[in-house]
Amino acid sequence: MLDEPETTAAVHPGRAPGFVWKDFSRFVELHAVKTGWLVLWGHYTHAGKQKILAGNQTYADLPSARRRLIDAVLELTGEQRLAAEALALLDRARLPLGHQSRLPPEPL
């Protein structure tokens, strides 16, 4: 199992997260899902080959997911400057507020 990197393919098969923040072995990911935004946070072990989740939460809107991003970075690092940096990077990513219009239709 450690030979292959863990992915979030179960969340979005074949689709990358909408946003990823990484700092050494820590990460926060935002994924567009049917009900809004899924936020995953945790850390990597075994030189990045295994992803350990510290938490996950789904939010109906992007502003709520942004707040969770800040809280997750603070939880993982304890540093406000890293939370501010993550928020600035998220703002530059320009994620759509109404992301459902960008998602492909579900197969029948």
PDB file of N, CA and C in Angstrom:
ATOM      1  N   MET A   1       0.817  -1.194   0.000  1.00  0.00           N
ATOM      2  CA  MET A   1       0.000   0.000   0.000  1.00  0.00           C
ATOM      3  C   MET A   1       0.857   1.253   0.000  1.00  0.00           C
ATOM      4  N   LEU A   2       2.015   1.210   0.617  1.00  0.00           N
ATOM      5  CA  LEU A   2       2.863   2.384   0.669  1.00  0.00           C
ATOM      6  C   LEU A   2       3.584   2.641  -0.642  1.00  0.00           C
ATOM      7  N   ASP A   3       3.506   1.713  -1.566  1.00  0.00           N
ATOM      8  CA  ASP A   3       4.174   1.892  -2.849  1.00  0.00           C
ATOM      9  C   ASP A   3       3.480   2.918  -3.728  1.00  0.00           C
ATOM     10  N   GLU A   4       2.168   3.073  -3.561  1.00  0.00           N
ATOM     11  CA  GLU A   4       1.406   3.987  -4.400  1.00  0.00           C
ATOM     12  C   GLU A   4       0.930   5.171  -3.578  1.00  0.00           C
ATOM     13  N   PRO A   5       1.079   6.405  -4.090  1.00  0.00           N
ATOM     14  CA  PRO A   5       0.621   7.566  -3.345  1.00  0.00           C
ATOM     15  C   PRO A   5      -0.895   7.539  -3.171  1.00  0.00           C
ATOM     16  N   GLU A   6      -1.349   7.961  -1.995  1.00  0.00           N
ATOM     17  CA  GLU A   6      -2.778   8.090  -1.739  1.00  0.00           C
ATOM     18  C   GLU A   6      -3.306   9.269  -2.546  1.00  0.00           C
ATOM     19  N   THR A   7      -4.487   9.149  -3.060  1.00  0.00           N
ATOM     20  CA  THR A   7      -5.105  10.250  -3.786  1.00  0.00           C
ATOM     21  C   THR A   7      -6.508  10.464  -3.249  1.00  0.00           C
ATOM     22  N   THR A   8      -7.136  11.504  -3.730  1.00  0.00           N
ATOM     23  CA  THR A   8      -8.518  11.761  -3.354  1.00  0.00           C
ATOM     24  C   THR A   8      -9.433  11.351  -4.493  1.00  0.00           C
ATOM     25  N   ALA A   9      -9.053  10.317  -5.230  1.00  0.00           N
ATOM     26  CA  ALA A   9      -9.841   9.859  -6.371  1.00  0.00           C
ATOM     27  C   ALA A   9     -11.237   9.428  -5.946  1.00  0.00           C
ATOM     28  N   ALA A  10     -11.391   8.996  -4.716  1.00  0.00           N
ATOM     29  CA  ALA A  10     -12.721   8.605  -4.244  1.00  0.00           C
ATOM     30  C   ALA A  10     -13.645   9.815  -4.167  1.00  0.00           C
ATOM     31  N   VAL A  11     -13.075  10.992  -3.960  1.00  0.00           N
ATOM     32  CA  VAL A  11     -13.873  12.213  -3.908  1.00  0.00           C
ATOM     33  C   VAL A  11     -14.275  12.630  -5.309  1.00  0.00           C
ATOM     34  N   HIS A  12     -13.307  12.703  -6.209  1.00  0.00           N
ATOM     35  CA  HIS A  12     -13.544  13.116  -7.592  1.00  0.00           C
ATOM     36  C   HIS A  12     -12.690  12.256  -8.516  1.00  0.00           C
ATOM     37  N   PRO A  13     -13.207  11.160  -9.000  1.00  0.00           N
ATOM     38  CA  PRO A  13     -12.394  10.332  -9.889  1.00  0.00           C
ATOM     39  C   PRO A  13     -11.900  11.129 -11.097  1.00  0.00           C
ATOM     40  N   GLY A  14     -10.596  11.162 -11.274  1.00  0.00           N
ATOM     41  CA  GLY A  14     -10.012  11.826 -12.429  1.00  0.00           C
ATOM     42  C   GLY A  14     -10.001  13.345 -12.366  1.00  0.00           C
ATOM     43  N   ARG A  15     -10.406  13.925 -11.257  1.00  0.00           N
ATOM     44  CA  ARG A  15     -10.454  15.386 -11.147  1.00  0.00           C
ATOM     45  C   ARG A  15      -9.620  15.849  -9.961  1.00  0.00           C
ATOM     46  N   ALA A  16      -8.766  16.815 -10.183  1.00  0.00           N
ATOM     47  CA  ALA A  16      -7.926  17.361  -9.123  1.00  0.00           C
ATOM     48  C   ALA A  16      -8.760  18.245  -8.202  1.00  0.00           C
ATOM     49  N   PRO A  17      -8.304  18.458  -6.963  1.00  0.00           N
ATOM     50  CA  PRO A  17      -9.005  19.377  -6.073  1.00  0.00           C
ATOM     51  C   PRO A  17      -9.061  20.775  -6.675  1.00  0.00           C
ATOM     52  N   GLY A  18     -10.055  21.541  -6.278  1.00  0.00           N
ATOM     53  CA  GLY A  18     -10.165  22.918  -6.744  1.00  0.00           C
ATOM     54  C   GLY A  18      -9.059  23.791  -6.196  1.00  0.00           C
ATOM     55  N   PHE A  19      -8.569  23.461  -4.996  1.00  0.00           N
ATOM     56  CA  PHE A  19      -7.494  24.219  -4.368  1.00  0.00           C
ATOM     57  C   PHE A  19      -6.760  23.312  -3.400  1.00  0.00           C
ATOM     58  N   VAL A  20      -5.433  23.441  -3.349  1.00  0.00           N
ATOM     59  CA  VAL A  20      -4.612  22.682  -2.405  1.00  0.00           C
ATOM     60  C   VAL A  20      -3.613  23.635  -1.760  1.00  0.00           C
ATOM     61  N   TRP A  21      -3.554  23.611  -0.438  1.00  0.00           N
ATOM     62  CA  TRP A  21      -2.511  24.324   0.309  1.00  0.00           C
ATOM     63  C   TRP A  21      -1.632  23.263   0.946  1.00  0.00           C
ATOM     64  N   LYS A  22      -0.310  23.408   0.802  1.00  0.00           N
ATOM     65  CA  LYS A  22       0.632  22.462   1.399  1.00  0.00           C
ATOM     66  C   LYS A  22       1.733  23.237   2.110  1.00  0.00           C
ATOM     67  N   ASP A  23       2.181  22.693   3.233  1.00  0.00           N
ATOM     68  CA  ASP A  23       3.310  23.239   3.975  1.00  0.00           C
ATOM     69  C   ASP A  23       4.041  22.050   4.582  1.00  0.00           C
ATOM     70  N   PHE A  24       5.156  21.695   3.988  1.00  0.00           N
ATOM     71  CA  PHE A  24       5.911  20.522   4.394  1.00  0.00           C
ATOM     72  C   PHE A  24       5.002  19.297   4.327  1.00  0.00           C
ATOM     73  N   SER A  25       4.673  18.679   5.451  1.00  0.00           N
ATOM     74  CA  SER A  25       3.864  17.464   5.396  1.00  0.00           C
ATOM     75  C   SER A  25       2.386  17.726   5.681  1.00  0.00           C
ATOM     76  N   ARG A  26       1.969  18.985   5.736  1.00  0.00           N
ATOM     77  CA  ARG A  26       0.579  19.315   6.054  1.00  0.00           C
ATOM     78  C   ARG A  26      -0.149  19.785   4.801  1.00  0.00           C
ATOM     79  N   PHE A  27      -1.461  19.545   4.752  1.00  0.00           N
ATOM     80  CA  PHE A  27      -2.233  19.935   3.570  1.00  0.00           C
ATOM     81  C   PHE A  27      -3.656  20.308   3.948  1.00  0.00           C
ATOM     82  N   VAL A  28      -4.263  21.136   3.113  1.00  0.00           N
ATOM     83  CA  VAL A  28      -5.697  21.420   3.143  1.00  0.00           C
ATOM     84  C   VAL A  28      -6.147  21.422   1.692  1.00  0.00           C
ATOM     85  N   GLU A  29      -7.239  20.711   1.388  1.00  0.00           N
ATOM     86  CA  GLU A  29      -7.767  20.642   0.023  1.00  0.00           C
ATOM     87  C   GLU A  29      -9.219  21.092   0.012  1.00  0.00           C
ATOM     88  N   LEU A  30      -9.610  21.793  -1.048  1.00  0.00           N
ATOM     89  CA  LEU A  30     -11.008  22.136  -1.286  1.00  0.00           C
ATOM     90  C   LEU A  30     -11.451  21.432  -2.558  1.00  0.00           C
ATOM     91  N   HIS A  31     -12.572  20.718  -2.462  1.00  0.00           N
ATOM     92  CA  HIS A  31     -13.142  19.994  -3.586  1.00  0.00           C
ATOM     93  C   HIS A  31     -14.564  20.483  -3.823  1.00  0.00           C
ATOM     94  N   ALA A  32     -14.892  20.761  -5.071  1.00  0.00           N
ATOM     95  CA  ALA A  32     -16.279  21.087  -5.419  1.00  0.00           C
ATOM     96  C   ALA A  32     -17.066  19.790  -5.436  1.00  0.00           C
ATOM     97  N   VAL A  33     -18.161  19.754  -4.683  1.00  0.00           N
ATOM     98  CA  VAL A  33     -19.046  18.587  -4.641  1.00  0.00           C
ATOM     99  C   VAL A  33     -20.468  19.059  -4.909  1.00  0.00           C
ATOM    100  N   LYS A  34     -21.383  18.118  -5.100  1.00  0.00           N
ATOM    101  CA  LYS A  34     -22.764  18.470  -5.430  1.00  0.00           C
ATOM    102  C   LYS A  34     -23.396  19.410  -4.417  1.00  0.00           C
ATOM    103  N   THR A  35     -23.094  19.201  -3.150  1.00  0.00           N
ATOM    104  CA  THR A  35     -23.740  19.980  -2.094  1.00  0.00           C
ATOM    105  C   THR A  35     -22.964  21.227  -1.689  1.00  0.00           C
ATOM    106  N   GLY A  36     -21.861  21.527  -2.362  1.00  0.00           N
ATOM    107  CA  GLY A  36     -21.083  22.720  -2.028  1.00  0.00           C
ATOM    108  C   GLY A  36     -19.595  22.473  -2.140  1.00  0.00           C
ATOM    109  N   TRP A  37     -18.903  22.577  -1.018  1.00  0.00           N
ATOM    110  CA  TRP A  37     -17.444  22.432  -0.982  1.00  0.00           C
ATOM    111  C   TRP A  37     -17.043  21.469   0.125  1.00  0.00           C
ATOM    112  N   LEU A  38     -16.213  20.504  -0.228  1.00  0.00           N
ATOM    113  CA  LEU A  38     -15.654  19.566   0.741  1.00  0.00           C
ATOM    114  C   LEU A  38     -14.252  20.047   1.080  1.00  0.00           C
ATOM    115  N   VAL A  39     -13.980  20.185   2.367  1.00  0.00           N
ATOM    116  CA  VAL A  39     -12.658  20.595   2.831  1.00  0.00           C
ATOM    117  C   VAL A  39     -12.037  19.398   3.547  1.00  0.00           C
ATOM    118  N   LEU A  40     -10.842  19.016   3.116  1.00  0.00           N
ATOM    119  CA  LEU A  40     -10.077  17.934   3.738  1.00  0.00           C
ATOM    120  C   LEU A  40      -8.795  18.532   4.287  1.00  0.00           C
ATOM    121  N   TRP A  41      -8.352  18.099   5.479  1.00  0.00           N
ATOM    122  CA  TRP A  41      -7.082  18.576   5.996  1.00  0.00           C
ATOM    123  C   TRP A  41      -6.415  17.463   6.782  1.00  0.00           C
ATOM    124  N   GLY A  42      -5.081  17.533   6.807  1.00  0.00           N
ATOM    125  CA  GLY A  42      -4.310  16.514   7.503  1.00  0.00           C
ATOM    126  C   GLY A  42      -2.837  16.627   7.186  1.00  0.00           C
ATOM    127  N   HIS A  43      -2.161  15.488   7.197  1.00  0.00           N
ATOM    128  CA  HIS A  43      -0.730  15.481   6.917  1.00  0.00           C
ATOM    129  C   HIS A  43      -0.340  14.224   6.148  1.00  0.00           C
ATOM    130  N   TYR A  44       0.841  14.290   5.556  1.00  0.00           N
ATOM    131  CA  TYR A  44       1.399  13.175   4.809  1.00  0.00           C
ATOM    132  C   TYR A  44       2.424  12.445   5.676  1.00  0.00           C
ATOM    133  N   THR A  45       2.532  11.135   5.479  1.00  0.00           N
ATOM    134  CA  THR A  45       3.573  10.345   6.122  1.00  0.00           C
ATOM    135  C   THR A  45       4.277   9.523   5.048  1.00  0.00           C
ATOM    136  N   HIS A  46       5.330   8.846   5.441  1.00  0.00           N
ATOM    137  CA  HIS A  46       6.094   7.987   4.536  1.00  0.00           C
ATOM    138  C   HIS A  46       6.508   8.744   3.278  1.00  0.00           C
ATOM    139  N   ALA A  47       7.139   9.894   3.499  1.00  0.00           N
ATOM    140  CA  ALA A  47       7.656  10.720   2.404  1.00  0.00           C
ATOM    141  C   ALA A  47       6.567  11.093   1.396  1.00  0.00           C
ATOM    142  N   GLY A  48       5.370  11.380   1.897  1.00  0.00           N
ATOM    143  CA  GLY A  48       4.282  11.822   1.036  1.00  0.00           C
ATOM    144  C   GLY A  48       3.480  10.723   0.383  1.00  0.00           C
ATOM    145  N   LYS A  49       3.768   9.485   0.712  1.00  0.00           N
ATOM    146  CA  LYS A  49       3.067   8.374   0.063  1.00  0.00           C
ATOM    147  C   LYS A  49       1.746   8.020   0.731  1.00  0.00           C
ATOM    148  N   GLN A  50       1.565   8.459   1.974  1.00  0.00           N
ATOM    149  CA  GLN A  50       0.326   8.142   2.673  1.00  0.00           C
ATOM    150  C   GLN A  50      -0.275   9.436   3.217  1.00  0.00           C
ATOM    151  N   LYS A  51      -1.564   9.616   2.994  1.00  0.00           N
ATOM    152  CA  LYS A  51      -2.287  10.807   3.431  1.00  0.00           C
ATOM    153  C   LYS A  51      -3.112  10.446   4.666  1.00  0.00           C
ATOM    154  N   ILE A  52      -2.891  11.169   5.754  1.00  0.00           N
ATOM    155  CA  ILE A  52      -3.625  10.955   6.995  1.00  0.00           C
ATOM    156  C   ILE A  52      -4.557  12.145   7.202  1.00  0.00           C
ATOM    157  N   LEU A  53      -5.863  11.888   7.208  1.00  0.00           N
ATOM    158  CA  LEU A  53      -6.831  12.965   7.395  1.00  0.00           C
ATOM    159  C   LEU A  53      -6.957  13.307   8.876  1.00  0.00           C
ATOM    160  N   ALA A  54      -6.906  14.608   9.160  1.00  0.00           N
ATOM    161  CA  ALA A  54      -7.176  15.094  10.514  1.00  0.00           C
ATOM    162  C   ALA A  54      -8.640  15.494  10.618  1.00  0.00           C
ATOM    163  N   GLY A  55      -9.254  15.790   9.466  1.00  0.00           N
ATOM    164  CA  GLY A  55     -10.659  16.159   9.477  1.00  0.00           C
ATOM    165  C   GLY A  55     -11.189  16.400   8.080  1.00  0.00           C
ATOM    166  N   ASN A  56     -12.511  16.456   7.985  1.00  0.00           N
ATOM    167  CA  ASN A  56     -13.174  16.770   6.729  1.00  0.00           C
ATOM    168  C   ASN A  56     -14.535  17.352   7.051  1.00  0.00           C
ATOM    169  N   GLN A  57     -14.978  18.246   6.210  1.00  0.00           N
ATOM    170  CA  GLN A  57     -16.276  18.881   6.421  1.00  0.00           C
ATOM    171  C   GLN A  57     -16.787  19.401   5.084  1.00  0.00           C
ATOM    172  N   THR A  58     -18.089  19.318   4.885  1.00  0.00           N
ATOM    173  CA  THR A  58     -18.716  19.850   3.683  1.00  0.00           C
ATOM    174  C   THR A  58     -19.446  21.133   4.043  1.00  0.00           C
ATOM    175  N   TYR A  59     -19.306  22.133   3.183  1.00  0.00           N
ATOM    176  CA  TYR A  59     -19.949  23.428   3.377  1.00  0.00           C
ATOM    177  C   TYR A  59     -20.782  23.764   2.151  1.00  0.00           C
ATOM    178  N   ALA A  60     -21.904  24.415   2.376  1.00  0.00           N
ATOM    179  CA  ALA A  60     -22.820  24.741   1.287  1.00  0.00           C
ATOM    180  C   ALA A  60     -22.305  25.874   0.415  1.00  0.00           C
ATOM    181  N   ASP A  61     -21.433  26.731   0.953  1.00  0.00           N
ATOM    182  CA  ASP A  61     -20.957  27.864   0.166  1.00  0.00           C
ATOM    183  C   ASP A  61     -19.457  28.069   0.355  1.00  0.00           C
ATOM    184  N   LEU A  62     -18.874  28.798  -0.579  1.00  0.00           N
ATOM    185  CA  LEU A  62     -17.432  29.029  -0.561  1.00  0.00           C
ATOM    186  C   LEU A  62     -16.986  29.877   0.624  1.00  0.00           C
ATOM    187  N   PRO A  63     -17.711  30.923   1.032  1.00  0.00           N
ATOM    188  CA  PRO A  63     -17.258  31.678   2.210  1.00  0.00           C
ATOM    189  C   PRO A  63     -17.107  30.808   3.467  1.00  0.00           C
ATOM    190  N   SER A  64     -17.988  29.867   3.666  1.00  0.00           N
ATOM    191  CA  SER A  64     -17.873  28.963   4.820  1.00  0.00           C
ATOM    192  C   SER A  64     -16.666  28.037   4.670  1.00  0.00           C
ATOM    193  N   ALA A  65     -16.428  27.561   3.458  1.00  0.00           N
ATOM    194  CA  ALA A  65     -15.268  26.706   3.209  1.00  0.00           C
ATOM    195  C   ALA A  65     -13.967  27.485   3.402  1.00  0.00           C
ATOM    196  N   ARG A  66     -13.977  28.772   3.029  1.00  0.00           N
ATOM    197  CA  ARG A  66     -12.801  29.626   3.252  1.00  0.00           C
ATOM    198  C   ARG A  66     -12.480  29.720   4.742  1.00  0.00           C
ATOM    199  N   ARG A  67     -13.523  29.872   5.549  1.00  0.00           N
ATOM    200  CA  ARG A  67     -13.318  29.965   6.998  1.00  0.00           C
ATOM    201  C   ARG A  67     -12.731  28.666   7.532  1.00  0.00           C
ATOM    202  N   ARG A  68     -13.212  27.527   7.043  1.00  0.00           N
ATOM    203  CA  ARG A  68     -12.674  26.234   7.470  1.00  0.00           C
ATOM    204  C   ARG A  68     -11.226  26.095   7.042  1.00  0.00           C
ATOM    205  N   LEU A  69     -10.889  26.598   5.847  1.00  0.00           N
ATOM    206  CA  LEU A  69      -9.501  26.570   5.392  1.00  0.00           C
ATOM    207  C   LEU A  69      -8.610  27.270   6.411  1.00  0.00           C
ATOM    208  N   ILE A  70      -9.004  28.455   6.840  1.00  0.00           N
ATOM    209  CA  ILE A  70      -8.218  29.202   7.832  1.00  0.00           C
ATOM    210  C   ILE A  70      -8.100  28.400   9.123  1.00  0.00           C
ATOM    211  N   ASP A  71      -9.229  27.890   9.607  1.00  0.00           N
ATOM    212  CA  ASP A  71      -9.214  27.119  10.848  1.00  0.00           C
ATOM    213  C   ASP A  71      -8.349  25.865  10.730  1.00  0.00           C
ATOM    214  N   ALA A  72      -8.419  25.192   9.582  1.00  0.00           N
ATOM    215  CA  ALA A  72      -7.626  23.970   9.381  1.00  0.00           C
ATOM    216  C   ALA A  72      -6.134  24.279   9.369  1.00  0.00           C
ATOM    217  N   VAL A  73      -5.741  25.349   8.693  1.00  0.00           N
ATOM    218  CA  VAL A  73      -4.322  25.719   8.673  1.00  0.00           C
ATOM    219  C   VAL A  73      -3.852  26.076  10.080  1.00  0.00           C
ATOM    220  N   LEU A  74      -4.677  26.814  10.830  1.00  0.00           N
ATOM    221  CA  LEU A  74      -4.321  27.139  12.214  1.00  0.00           C
ATOM    222  C   LEU A  74      -4.237  25.882  13.073  1.00  0.00           C
ATOM    223  N   GLU A  75      -5.154  24.953  12.870  1.00  0.00           N
ATOM    224  CA  GLU A  75      -5.128  23.696  13.613  1.00  0.00           C
ATOM    225  C   GLU A  75      -3.856  22.907  13.314  1.00  0.00           C
ATOM    226  N   LEU A  76      -3.459  22.877  12.052  1.00  0.00           N
ATOM    227  CA  LEU A  76      -2.294  22.090  11.649  1.00  0.00           C
ATOM    228  C   LEU A  76      -0.970  22.751  12.013  1.00  0.00           C
ATOM    229  N   THR A  77      -0.919  24.092  11.951  1.00  0.00           N
ATOM    230  CA  THR A  77       0.361  24.783  12.107  1.00  0.00           C
ATOM    231  C   THR A  77       0.456  25.638  13.358  1.00  0.00           C
ATOM    232  N   GLY A  78      -0.668  26.185  13.810  1.00  0.00           N
ATOM    233  CA  GLY A  78      -0.647  27.102  14.938  1.00  0.00           C
ATOM    234  C   GLY A  78      -0.091  28.475  14.591  1.00  0.00           C
ATOM    235  N   GLU A  79       0.057  28.772  13.292  1.00  0.00           N
ATOM    236  CA  GLU A  79       0.656  30.045  12.864  1.00  0.00           C
ATOM    237  C   GLU A  79      -0.320  30.855  12.023  1.00  0.00           C
ATOM    238  N   GLN A  80      -0.636  32.057  12.512  1.00  0.00           N
ATOM    239  CA  GLN A  80      -1.565  32.932  11.802  1.00  0.00           C
ATOM    240  C   GLN A  80      -1.019  33.395  10.455  1.00  0.00           C
ATOM    241  N   ARG A  81       0.285  33.586  10.358  1.00  0.00           N
ATOM    242  CA  ARG A  81       0.844  34.048   9.079  1.00  0.00           C
ATOM    243  C   ARG A  81       0.657  32.998   7.983  1.00  0.00           C
ATOM    244  N   LEU A  82       0.705  31.717   8.338  1.00  0.00           N
ATOM    245  CA  LEU A  82       0.476  30.664   7.344  1.00  0.00           C
ATOM    246  C   LEU A  82      -0.993  30.610   6.940  1.00  0.00           C
ATOM    247  N   ALA A  83      -1.885  30.886   7.891  1.00  0.00           N
ATOM    248  CA  ALA A  83      -3.315  30.932   7.563  1.00  0.00           C
ATOM    249  C   ALA A  83      -3.588  32.104   6.621  1.00  0.00           C
ATOM    250  N   ALA A  84      -2.962  33.249   6.879  1.00  0.00           N
ATOM    251  CA  ALA A  84      -3.130  34.411   6.000  1.00  0.00           C
ATOM    252  C   ALA A  84      -2.568  34.120   4.614  1.00  0.00           C
ATOM    253  N   GLU A  85      -1.432  33.428   4.563  1.00  0.00           N
ATOM    254  CA  GLU A  85      -0.827  33.049   3.277  1.00  0.00           C
ATOM    255  C   GLU A  85      -1.743  32.110   2.498  1.00  0.00           C
ATOM    256  N   ALA A  86      -2.321  31.127   3.188  1.00  0.00           N
ATOM    257  CA  ALA A  86      -3.230  30.182   2.532  1.00  0.00           C
ATOM    258  C   ALA A  86      -4.458  30.905   1.987  1.00  0.00           C
ATOM    259  N   LEU A  87      -4.981  31.858   2.743  1.00  0.00           N
ATOM    260  CA  LEU A  87      -6.147  32.616   2.295  1.00  0.00           C
ATOM    261  C   LEU A  87      -5.815  33.470   1.076  1.00  0.00           C
ATOM    262  N   ALA A  88      -4.634  34.073   1.059  1.00  0.00           N
ATOM    263  CA  ALA A  88      -4.209  34.864  -0.102  1.00  0.00           C
ATOM    264  C   ALA A  88      -4.083  33.975  -1.340  1.00  0.00           C
ATOM    265  N   LEU A  89      -3.533  32.778  -1.170  1.00  0.00           N
ATOM    266  CA  LEU A  89      -3.419  31.847  -2.299  1.00  0.00           C
ATOM    267  C   LEU A  89      -4.792  31.412  -2.783  1.00  0.00           C
ATOM    268  N   LEU A  90      -5.714  31.189  -1.857  1.00  0.00           N
ATOM    269  CA  LEU A  90      -7.071  30.815  -2.237  1.00  0.00           C
ATOM    270  C   LEU A  90      -7.744  31.932  -3.023  1.00  0.00           C
ATOM    271  N   ASP A  91      -7.543  33.174  -2.594  1.00  0.00           N
ATOM    272  CA  ASP A  91      -8.125  34.314  -3.313  1.00  0.00           C
ATOM    273  C   ASP A  91      -7.584  34.403  -4.740  1.00  0.00           C
ATOM    274  N   ARG A  92      -6.313  34.084  -4.918  1.00  0.00           N
ATOM    275  CA  ARG A  92      -5.722  34.113  -6.262  1.00  0.00           C
ATOM    276  C   ARG A  92      -6.242  32.984  -7.138  1.00  0.00           C
ATOM    277  N   ALA A  93      -6.708  31.911  -6.520  1.00  0.00           N
ATOM    278  CA  ALA A  93      -7.221  30.771  -7.289  1.00  0.00           C
ATOM    279  C   ALA A  93      -8.547  31.102  -7.962  1.00  0.00           C
ATOM    280  N   ARG A  94      -9.254  32.099  -7.471  1.00  0.00           N
ATOM    281  CA  ARG A  94     -10.524  32.551  -8.046  1.00  0.00           C
ATOM    282  C   ARG A  94     -11.505  31.409  -8.265  1.00  0.00           C
ATOM    283  N   LEU A  95     -11.792  30.692  -7.191  1.00  0.00           N
ATOM    284  CA  LEU A  95     -12.782  29.619  -7.276  1.00  0.00           C
ATOM    285  C   LEU A  95     -14.162  30.226  -7.469  1.00  0.00           C
ATOM    286  N   PRO A  96     -15.001  29.595  -8.264  1.00  0.00           N
ATOM    287  CA  PRO A  96     -16.339  30.148  -8.519  1.00  0.00           C
ATOM    288  C   PRO A  96     -17.263  29.967  -7.324  1.00  0.00           C
ATOM    289  N   LEU A  97     -18.036  30.996  -7.010  1.00  0.00           N
ATOM    290  CA  LEU A  97     -19.010  30.887  -5.924  1.00  0.00           C
ATOM    291  C   LEU A  97     -20.085  29.876  -6.284  1.00  0.00           C
ATOM    292  N   GLY A  98     -20.551  29.882  -7.528  1.00  0.00           N
ATOM    293  CA  GLY A  98     -21.552  28.922  -7.994  1.00  0.00           C
ATOM    294  C   GLY A  98     -20.880  27.849  -8.819  1.00  0.00           C
ATOM    295  N   HIS A  99     -20.073  27.006  -8.183  1.00  0.00           N
ATOM    296  CA  HIS A  99     -19.238  26.040  -8.903  1.00  0.00           C
ATOM    297  C   HIS A  99     -20.033  25.007  -9.671  1.00  0.00           C
ATOM    298  N   GLN A 100     -21.296  24.752  -9.338  1.00  0.00           N
ATOM    299  CA  GLN A 100     -22.040  23.701 -10.010  1.00  0.00           C
ATOM    300  C   GLN A 100     -22.100  23.919 -11.513  1.00  0.00           C
ATOM    301  N   SER A 101     -22.065  25.166 -11.967  1.00  0.00           N
ATOM    302  CA  SER A 101     -22.119  25.438 -13.401  1.00  0.00           C
ATOM    303  C   SER A 101     -20.856  24.963 -14.119  1.00  0.00           C
ATOM    304  N   ARG A 102     -19.758  24.750 -13.391  1.00  0.00           N
ATOM    305  CA  ARG A 102     -18.510  24.302 -14.007  1.00  0.00           C
ATOM    306  C   ARG A 102     -18.326  22.795 -13.934  1.00  0.00           C
ATOM    307  N   LEU A 103     -19.131  22.118 -13.121  1.00  0.00           N
ATOM    308  CA  LEU A 103     -18.986  20.668 -13.008  1.00  0.00           C
ATOM    309  C   LEU A 103     -19.674  19.979 -14.190  1.00  0.00           C
ATOM    310  N   PRO A 104     -19.085  18.923 -14.703  1.00  0.00           N
ATOM    311  CA  PRO A 104     -19.743  18.190 -15.797  1.00  0.00           C
ATOM    312  C   PRO A 104     -20.998  17.494 -15.270  1.00  0.00           C
ATOM    313  N   PRO A 105     -21.957  17.233 -16.123  1.00  0.00           N
ATOM    314  CA  PRO A 105     -23.165  16.540 -15.669  1.00  0.00           C
ATOM    315  C   PRO A 105     -22.842  15.131 -15.226  1.00  0.00           C
ATOM    316  N   GLU A 106     -23.637  14.655 -14.284  1.00  0.00           N
ATOM    317  CA  GLU A 106     -23.458  13.283 -13.781  1.00  0.00           C
ATOM    318  C   GLU A 106     -23.893  12.291 -14.856  1.00  0.00           C
ATOM    319  N   PRO A 107     -23.184  11.157 -14.983  1.00  0.00           N
ATOM    320  CA  PRO A 107     -23.619  10.149 -15.950  1.00  0.00           C
ATOM    321  C   PRO A 107     -24.945   9.532 -15.528  1.00  0.00           C
ATOM    322  N   LEU A 108     -25.706   9.096 -16.507  1.00  0.00           N
ATOM    323  CA  LEU A 108     -27.012   8.484 -16.228  1.00  0.00           C
ATOM    324  C   LEU A 108     -26.875   7.061 -15.734  1.00  0.00           C
TER     325      LEU A 108
END
